[in-house]
Amino acid sequence: MVFQHVRAPAHYSCLVMHHLNLTLPKRWIGHGGHIQWPPRSPDLTPFDFCLWGWMKSEAYKEKVNTRDKLVTRIVNSAALIKQERQDDLRRATCTIAKRVEKCIEFNGGIFEHLF
């Protein structure tokens, strides 16, 4: 199993990379890792192409003024999605193989418009 972390700048910190190197030696994809993130890489995982959008929609329905309120909203959003969108999550997960096939077919190019 390989862990793929997103390209967020916070994930480039020495602490994060050190932790990943200790817990997942040579098994994580990302900036500074043993396996570099491919250039112009399309997002292949359900988290990239649907879950984070759902989370943002739920968490930011109303303006949040404090960090604690934001954390609470995020946790509540995750619980709501888990409870109410299980079928959507299952369908998104089932598309991974199709997305990988398209990525190979388009030689790593853009194929998002096909889904």
N, C-alpha and C. Protein backbone atom coordinates (compact mmCIF):
# COMPACT_ATOMS: atom_id res chain seq x y z
N MET A 1 0.85 -1.18 0.00
CA MET A 1 0.00 0.00 0.00
C MET A 1 0.89 1.24 0.00
N VAL A 2 0.48 2.23 -0.77
CA VAL A 2 1.22 3.49 -0.85
C VAL A 2 0.30 4.61 -0.38
N PHE A 3 0.82 5.53 0.41
CA PHE A 3 0.06 6.68 0.89
C PHE A 3 0.35 7.86 -0.04
N GLN A 4 -0.72 8.50 -0.48
CA GLN A 4 -0.60 9.68 -1.36
C GLN A 4 -1.14 10.88 -0.60
N HIS A 5 -0.28 11.84 -0.31
CA HIS A 5 -0.78 13.04 0.37
C HIS A 5 -0.89 14.18 -0.62
N VAL A 6 -1.81 15.08 -0.34
CA VAL A 6 -2.08 16.17 -1.27
C VAL A 6 -0.93 17.16 -1.29
N ARG A 7 -0.95 18.03 -2.27
CA ARG A 7 0.15 18.95 -2.49
C ARG A 7 0.04 20.23 -1.67
N ALA A 8 -0.67 20.20 -0.57
CA ALA A 8 -0.82 21.39 0.27
C ALA A 8 0.53 21.77 0.88
N PRO A 9 0.87 23.06 0.91
CA PRO A 9 2.17 23.48 1.46
C PRO A 9 2.42 22.99 2.89
N ALA A 10 1.38 22.87 3.69
CA ALA A 10 1.58 22.41 5.07
C ALA A 10 2.16 21.00 5.11
N HIS A 11 1.93 20.22 4.07
CA HIS A 11 2.43 18.85 4.03
C HIS A 11 3.90 18.78 3.65
N TYR A 12 4.50 19.91 3.30
CA TYR A 12 5.91 19.94 2.95
C TYR A 12 6.80 20.15 4.17
N SER A 13 6.21 20.32 5.33
CA SER A 13 7.02 20.63 6.51
C SER A 13 7.92 19.45 6.85
N CYS A 14 9.05 19.76 7.48
CA CYS A 14 10.01 18.72 7.86
C CYS A 14 9.39 17.72 8.81
N LEU A 15 8.53 18.19 9.72
CA LEU A 15 7.88 17.29 10.68
C LEU A 15 7.00 16.26 9.97
N VAL A 16 6.21 16.72 9.00
CA VAL A 16 5.32 15.82 8.27
C VAL A 16 6.14 14.80 7.48
N MET A 17 7.13 15.29 6.75
CA MET A 17 7.95 14.37 5.94
C MET A 17 8.71 13.37 6.81
N HIS A 18 9.21 13.83 7.97
CA HIS A 18 9.92 12.93 8.89
C HIS A 18 8.96 11.84 9.39
N HIS A 19 7.75 12.25 9.76
CA HIS A 19 6.75 11.29 10.24
C HIS A 19 6.42 10.26 9.16
N LEU A 20 6.21 10.73 7.93
CA LEU A 20 5.89 9.81 6.84
C LEU A 20 7.06 8.87 6.55
N ASN A 21 8.28 9.38 6.62
CA ASN A 21 9.44 8.53 6.39
C ASN A 21 9.58 7.45 7.46
N LEU A 22 9.21 7.78 8.70
CA LEU A 22 9.28 6.79 9.78
C LEU A 22 8.16 5.77 9.69
N THR A 23 6.94 6.24 9.43
CA THR A 23 5.78 5.34 9.46
C THR A 23 5.52 4.63 8.14
N LEU A 24 5.91 5.24 7.03
CA LEU A 24 5.67 4.66 5.71
C LEU A 24 6.94 4.74 4.86
N PRO A 25 8.02 4.11 5.28
CA PRO A 25 9.28 4.25 4.55
C PRO A 25 9.15 3.80 3.09
N LYS A 26 9.51 4.70 2.19
CA LYS A 26 9.48 4.46 0.74
C LYS A 26 8.09 4.08 0.24
N ARG A 27 7.03 4.49 0.97
CA ARG A 27 5.67 4.13 0.56
C ARG A 27 4.74 5.34 0.60
N TRP A 28 5.26 6.53 0.33
CA TRP A 28 4.36 7.68 0.23
C TRP A 28 4.75 8.54 -0.96
N ILE A 29 3.71 9.07 -1.61
CA ILE A 29 3.88 9.89 -2.80
C ILE A 29 3.72 11.35 -2.40
N GLY A 30 4.65 12.19 -2.77
CA GLY A 30 4.50 13.60 -2.48
C GLY A 30 5.82 14.34 -2.52
N HIS A 31 5.74 15.63 -2.34
CA HIS A 31 6.90 16.52 -2.35
C HIS A 31 7.89 16.07 -1.28
N GLY A 32 9.09 15.77 -1.69
CA GLY A 32 10.12 15.37 -0.73
C GLY A 32 10.10 13.90 -0.38
N GLY A 33 9.20 13.15 -0.97
CA GLY A 33 9.10 11.74 -0.65
C GLY A 33 9.93 10.88 -1.59
N HIS A 34 9.98 9.60 -1.28
CA HIS A 34 10.71 8.64 -2.11
C HIS A 34 10.09 8.58 -3.52
N ILE A 35 8.78 8.67 -3.59
CA ILE A 35 8.07 8.68 -4.87
C ILE A 35 7.54 10.09 -5.09
N GLN A 36 8.06 10.78 -6.09
CA GLN A 36 7.63 12.15 -6.35
C GLN A 36 6.23 12.18 -6.96
N TRP A 37 5.50 13.25 -6.69
CA TRP A 37 4.18 13.44 -7.28
C TRP A 37 4.38 13.66 -8.77
N PRO A 38 3.69 12.90 -9.63
CA PRO A 38 3.90 13.08 -11.07
C PRO A 38 3.51 14.48 -11.53
N PRO A 39 4.26 15.08 -12.45
CA PRO A 39 3.89 16.40 -12.97
C PRO A 39 2.56 16.33 -13.70
N ARG A 40 1.76 17.37 -13.54
CA ARG A 40 0.44 17.47 -14.18
C ARG A 40 -0.43 16.26 -13.86
N SER A 41 -0.29 15.72 -12.66
CA SER A 41 -1.01 14.53 -12.27
C SER A 41 -2.50 14.81 -12.10
N PRO A 42 -3.35 14.05 -12.76
CA PRO A 42 -4.78 14.21 -12.52
C PRO A 42 -5.12 13.60 -11.16
N ASP A 43 -6.17 14.10 -10.56
CA ASP A 43 -6.59 13.54 -9.29
C ASP A 43 -7.35 12.26 -9.54
N LEU A 44 -6.91 11.18 -8.91
CA LEU A 44 -7.50 9.88 -9.16
C LEU A 44 -8.33 9.36 -8.00
N THR A 45 -8.16 9.91 -6.83
CA THR A 45 -8.84 9.33 -5.68
C THR A 45 -10.16 10.03 -5.40
N PRO A 46 -11.11 9.31 -4.80
CA PRO A 46 -12.41 9.92 -4.47
C PRO A 46 -12.28 11.13 -3.56
N PHE A 47 -11.26 11.14 -2.70
CA PHE A 47 -11.09 12.30 -1.84
C PHE A 47 -10.80 13.55 -2.67
N ASP A 48 -10.00 13.39 -3.70
CA ASP A 48 -9.63 14.53 -4.54
C ASP A 48 -10.80 15.04 -5.36
N PHE A 49 -11.58 14.14 -5.96
CA PHE A 49 -12.56 14.62 -6.91
C PHE A 49 -13.98 14.73 -6.37
N CYS A 50 -14.24 14.37 -5.12
CA CYS A 50 -15.60 14.60 -4.62
C CYS A 50 -15.68 14.89 -3.13
N LEU A 51 -15.00 14.12 -2.30
CA LEU A 51 -15.20 14.25 -0.85
C LEU A 51 -14.84 15.63 -0.33
N TRP A 52 -13.71 16.19 -0.78
CA TRP A 52 -13.32 17.51 -0.26
C TRP A 52 -14.32 18.58 -0.68
N GLY A 53 -14.89 18.47 -1.85
CA GLY A 53 -15.93 19.41 -2.28
C GLY A 53 -17.15 19.32 -1.39
N TRP A 54 -17.56 18.11 -1.08
CA TRP A 54 -18.71 17.93 -0.19
C TRP A 54 -18.41 18.50 1.19
N MET A 55 -17.19 18.23 1.70
CA MET A 55 -16.81 18.73 3.02
C MET A 55 -16.85 20.26 3.06
N LYS A 56 -16.26 20.90 2.04
CA LYS A 56 -16.25 22.36 2.01
C LYS A 56 -17.67 22.92 1.94
N SER A 57 -18.50 22.30 1.12
CA SER A 57 -19.89 22.78 1.00
C SER A 57 -20.61 22.73 2.34
N GLU A 58 -20.42 21.65 3.05
CA GLU A 58 -21.08 21.51 4.36
C GLU A 58 -20.46 22.43 5.41
N ALA A 59 -19.13 22.42 5.50
CA ALA A 59 -18.44 23.16 6.56
C ALA A 59 -18.61 24.67 6.42
N TYR A 60 -18.72 25.16 5.18
CA TYR A 60 -18.79 26.61 4.97
C TYR A 60 -20.18 27.10 4.57
N LYS A 61 -21.22 26.33 4.92
CA LYS A 61 -22.59 26.79 4.63
C LYS A 61 -22.86 28.13 5.30
N GLU A 62 -22.32 28.29 6.48
CA GLU A 62 -22.44 29.54 7.22
C GLU A 62 -21.03 30.01 7.59
N LYS A 63 -20.88 31.32 7.75
CA LYS A 63 -19.57 31.88 8.09
C LYS A 63 -19.13 31.38 9.46
N VAL A 64 -17.85 31.05 9.56
CA VAL A 64 -17.27 30.56 10.80
C VAL A 64 -16.24 31.59 11.27
N ASN A 65 -16.29 31.96 12.55
CA ASN A 65 -15.42 33.03 13.06
C ASN A 65 -14.22 32.55 13.87
N THR A 66 -14.27 31.31 14.35
CA THR A 66 -13.16 30.83 15.18
C THR A 66 -12.68 29.48 14.68
N ARG A 67 -11.46 29.16 15.06
CA ARG A 67 -10.88 27.87 14.69
C ARG A 67 -11.68 26.73 15.29
N ASP A 68 -12.07 26.86 16.56
CA ASP A 68 -12.84 25.81 17.23
C ASP A 68 -14.16 25.54 16.53
N LYS A 69 -14.83 26.61 16.10
CA LYS A 69 -16.10 26.43 15.40
C LYS A 69 -15.87 25.75 14.05
N LEU A 70 -14.77 26.10 13.39
CA LEU A 70 -14.46 25.48 12.10
C LEU A 70 -14.19 23.99 12.29
N VAL A 71 -13.40 23.64 13.29
CA VAL A 71 -13.11 22.22 13.56
C VAL A 71 -14.40 21.47 13.84
N THR A 72 -15.27 22.05 14.64
CA THR A 72 -16.56 21.43 14.94
C THR A 72 -17.38 21.23 13.68
N ARG A 73 -17.41 22.26 12.82
CA ARG A 73 -18.16 22.16 11.56
C ARG A 73 -17.60 21.07 10.66
N ILE A 74 -16.28 20.95 10.61
CA ILE A 74 -15.65 19.92 9.77
C ILE A 74 -16.00 18.52 10.30
N VAL A 75 -15.88 18.34 11.60
CA VAL A 75 -16.21 17.04 12.21
C VAL A 75 -17.68 16.70 11.96
N ASN A 76 -18.56 17.67 12.15
CA ASN A 76 -19.99 17.44 11.92
C ASN A 76 -20.27 17.16 10.45
N SER A 77 -19.55 17.83 9.55
CA SER A 77 -19.72 17.61 8.12
C SER A 77 -19.32 16.19 7.75
N ALA A 78 -18.21 15.72 8.31
CA ALA A 78 -17.76 14.36 8.03
C ALA A 78 -18.80 13.34 8.50
N ALA A 79 -19.34 13.56 9.68
CA ALA A 79 -20.36 12.64 10.20
C ALA A 79 -21.62 12.66 9.33
N LEU A 80 -22.01 13.84 8.90
CA LEU A 80 -23.19 13.97 8.05
C LEU A 80 -22.98 13.26 6.71
N ILE A 81 -21.83 13.47 6.10
CA ILE A 81 -21.53 12.83 4.82
C ILE A 81 -21.50 11.31 5.00
N LYS A 82 -20.87 10.85 6.06
CA LYS A 82 -20.80 9.40 6.31
C LYS A 82 -22.19 8.82 6.47
N GLN A 83 -23.06 9.55 7.13
CA GLN A 83 -24.42 9.06 7.39
C GLN A 83 -25.32 9.17 6.16
N GLU A 84 -25.26 10.29 5.46
CA GLU A 84 -26.23 10.57 4.41
C GLU A 84 -25.74 10.32 2.98
N ARG A 85 -24.44 10.12 2.80
CA ARG A 85 -23.92 10.00 1.43
C ARG A 85 -23.13 8.71 1.21
N GLN A 86 -23.46 7.66 1.94
CA GLN A 86 -22.73 6.41 1.80
C GLN A 86 -22.79 5.86 0.38
N ASP A 87 -23.95 5.94 -0.25
CA ASP A 87 -24.08 5.44 -1.62
C ASP A 87 -23.21 6.26 -2.58
N ASP A 88 -23.18 7.58 -2.38
CA ASP A 88 -22.34 8.43 -3.23
C ASP A 88 -20.86 8.09 -3.05
N LEU A 89 -20.44 7.87 -1.81
CA LEU A 89 -19.05 7.50 -1.54
C LEU A 89 -18.71 6.17 -2.19
N ARG A 90 -19.62 5.22 -2.10
CA ARG A 90 -19.40 3.91 -2.70
C ARG A 90 -19.26 4.02 -4.22
N ARG A 91 -20.15 4.80 -4.84
CA ARG A 91 -20.08 4.99 -6.30
C ARG A 91 -18.77 5.67 -6.70
N ALA A 92 -18.36 6.67 -5.93
CA ALA A 92 -17.11 7.38 -6.24
C ALA A 92 -15.93 6.43 -6.15
N THR A 93 -15.91 5.58 -5.16
CA THR A 93 -14.83 4.62 -4.99
C THR A 93 -14.80 3.63 -6.15
N CYS A 94 -15.96 3.26 -6.65
CA CYS A 94 -16.02 2.30 -7.75
C CYS A 94 -15.48 2.89 -9.05
N THR A 95 -15.37 4.19 -9.17
CA THR A 95 -14.89 4.79 -10.41
C THR A 95 -13.36 4.86 -10.49
N ILE A 96 -12.68 4.49 -9.42
CA ILE A 96 -11.22 4.62 -9.41
C ILE A 96 -10.59 3.84 -10.56
N ALA A 97 -11.01 2.59 -10.76
CA ALA A 97 -10.41 1.78 -11.84
C ALA A 97 -10.63 2.44 -13.20
N LYS A 98 -11.82 2.97 -13.43
CA LYS A 98 -12.10 3.65 -14.70
C LYS A 98 -11.21 4.88 -14.87
N ARG A 99 -11.01 5.62 -13.79
CA ARG A 99 -10.20 6.83 -13.85
C ARG A 99 -8.73 6.48 -14.14
N VAL A 100 -8.24 5.41 -13.54
CA VAL A 100 -6.86 4.98 -13.78
C VAL A 100 -6.71 4.56 -15.24
N GLU A 101 -7.68 3.82 -15.77
CA GLU A 101 -7.63 3.40 -17.18
C GLU A 101 -7.58 4.62 -18.10
N LYS A 102 -8.41 5.64 -17.82
CA LYS A 102 -8.40 6.85 -18.64
C LYS A 102 -7.07 7.59 -18.52
N CYS A 103 -6.52 7.61 -17.32
CA CYS A 103 -5.22 8.27 -17.12
C CYS A 103 -4.16 7.61 -17.99
N ILE A 104 -4.18 6.28 -18.03
CA ILE A 104 -3.22 5.54 -18.86
C ILE A 104 -3.51 5.80 -20.34
N GLU A 105 -4.79 5.75 -20.71
CA GLU A 105 -5.18 5.97 -22.11
C GLU A 105 -4.72 7.34 -22.61
N PHE A 106 -4.82 8.36 -21.75
CA PHE A 106 -4.45 9.73 -22.14
C PHE A 106 -3.01 10.06 -21.76
N ASN A 107 -2.23 9.01 -21.43
CA ASN A 107 -0.82 9.17 -21.12
C ASN A 107 -0.58 10.23 -20.04
N GLY A 108 -1.42 10.20 -19.02
CA GLY A 108 -1.29 11.13 -17.90
C GLY A 108 -1.84 12.51 -18.18
N GLY A 109 -2.45 12.71 -19.34
CA GLY A 109 -3.01 14.02 -19.70
C GLY A 109 -4.37 14.26 -19.06
N ILE A 110 -5.02 15.29 -19.50
CA ILE A 110 -6.31 15.69 -18.94
C ILE A 110 -7.41 14.77 -19.46
N PHE A 111 -8.18 14.23 -18.54
CA PHE A 111 -9.31 13.38 -18.91
C PHE A 111 -10.54 13.65 -18.05
N GLU A 112 -10.43 14.64 -17.15
CA GLU A 112 -11.51 14.93 -16.21
C GLU A 112 -12.84 15.22 -16.91
N HIS A 113 -12.80 15.78 -18.10
CA HIS A 113 -14.02 16.12 -18.82
C HIS A 113 -14.83 14.89 -19.21
N LEU A 114 -14.25 13.71 -19.09
CA LEU A 114 -14.95 12.48 -19.48
C LEU A 114 -15.80 11.92 -18.35
N PHE A 115 -15.69 12.48 -17.16
CA PHE A 115 -16.45 11.96 -16.02
C PHE A 115 -17.48 12.93 -15.53
